[in-house]
Structure formats: structure tokens, C-alpha cells
Amino acid sequence: IIKHDDAGDMGIIINRPSGFNTRQLGIKGPSWNIWFGGDCEGIRDAHVRGIRSFCLHVMDDFASMSREVTRGVYLISFDKAQELVSAGQAQTSDFMLFLGYCGWVQNQLQGELNVGVWKM
């Protein structure tokens, strides 16, 4: 879960590699492996409204420019992660790049957790 508020929840699926990399999608720069983060604003929606990207990492050195989502796991923008790689401060393998996310309206996720749709 990367966002939780009165409007709802946002999360990313962390165990679903897409089999794609950024070069295959025409994204300039070094090749990054891509994980499927969810159905909302992901690879399938590129032609409709664009893609949302998220990067996770476990690097304490970048904690100050990231948001901790759980102990020792940080969320950073893809743009910032690209800057770090371009500057030689990190490797693409230091990050997990997710395209898309899962979204739920208020109380929807809790209902799905209650019936066993998701595991946390």
C-alpha cells in the first residue's frame, strides 16, 4: 500500500514481473526491467490516459529523497531514480520499476481483505 486516506487506497503488486523492459516501450536511457504494478494507468492504459510509474528501493542512501512505505522499503519517483542512475550514484538494478497500480474506493480494500482476495 503506497497511499491510504479517506478517499481510498493505492497499492502496487510487487510479485509480478511484466517480461518487458523500458527499451521495448521506447523509453530512452538504460534498460530497466518493468514490473506490473496493477491495472490502473498501467501498460494496457497507455493509449487511453498514460502510464503511472513508481520505483521501490531498499537503499538507505536515498531515503531522504524517498518516502518510506514500510520499514526499509522506499518509494521514489522514476524521474529521480533515472537521475541517480544517470549520475552514476545507482544502478537500474537498485530499483524495482512498476508501471500501473491498484486502486480502491473507500472501504473497498478492507472488504476484499476480509474475504481473502488479497494477502498482506
Foldseek 3Di string as FASTA:
>chain_A
DQDQDQFWDKWFDDPAFPPDWVVVVVDDDDTAGEGAGDDAQFPVCCVPDHKAKKKKAQDPVCPVQFDDPDVRITIHGPVVVRVCVVVVNDPSVRIHMYIGIDIDGGPPVVVCVVVPVDDD
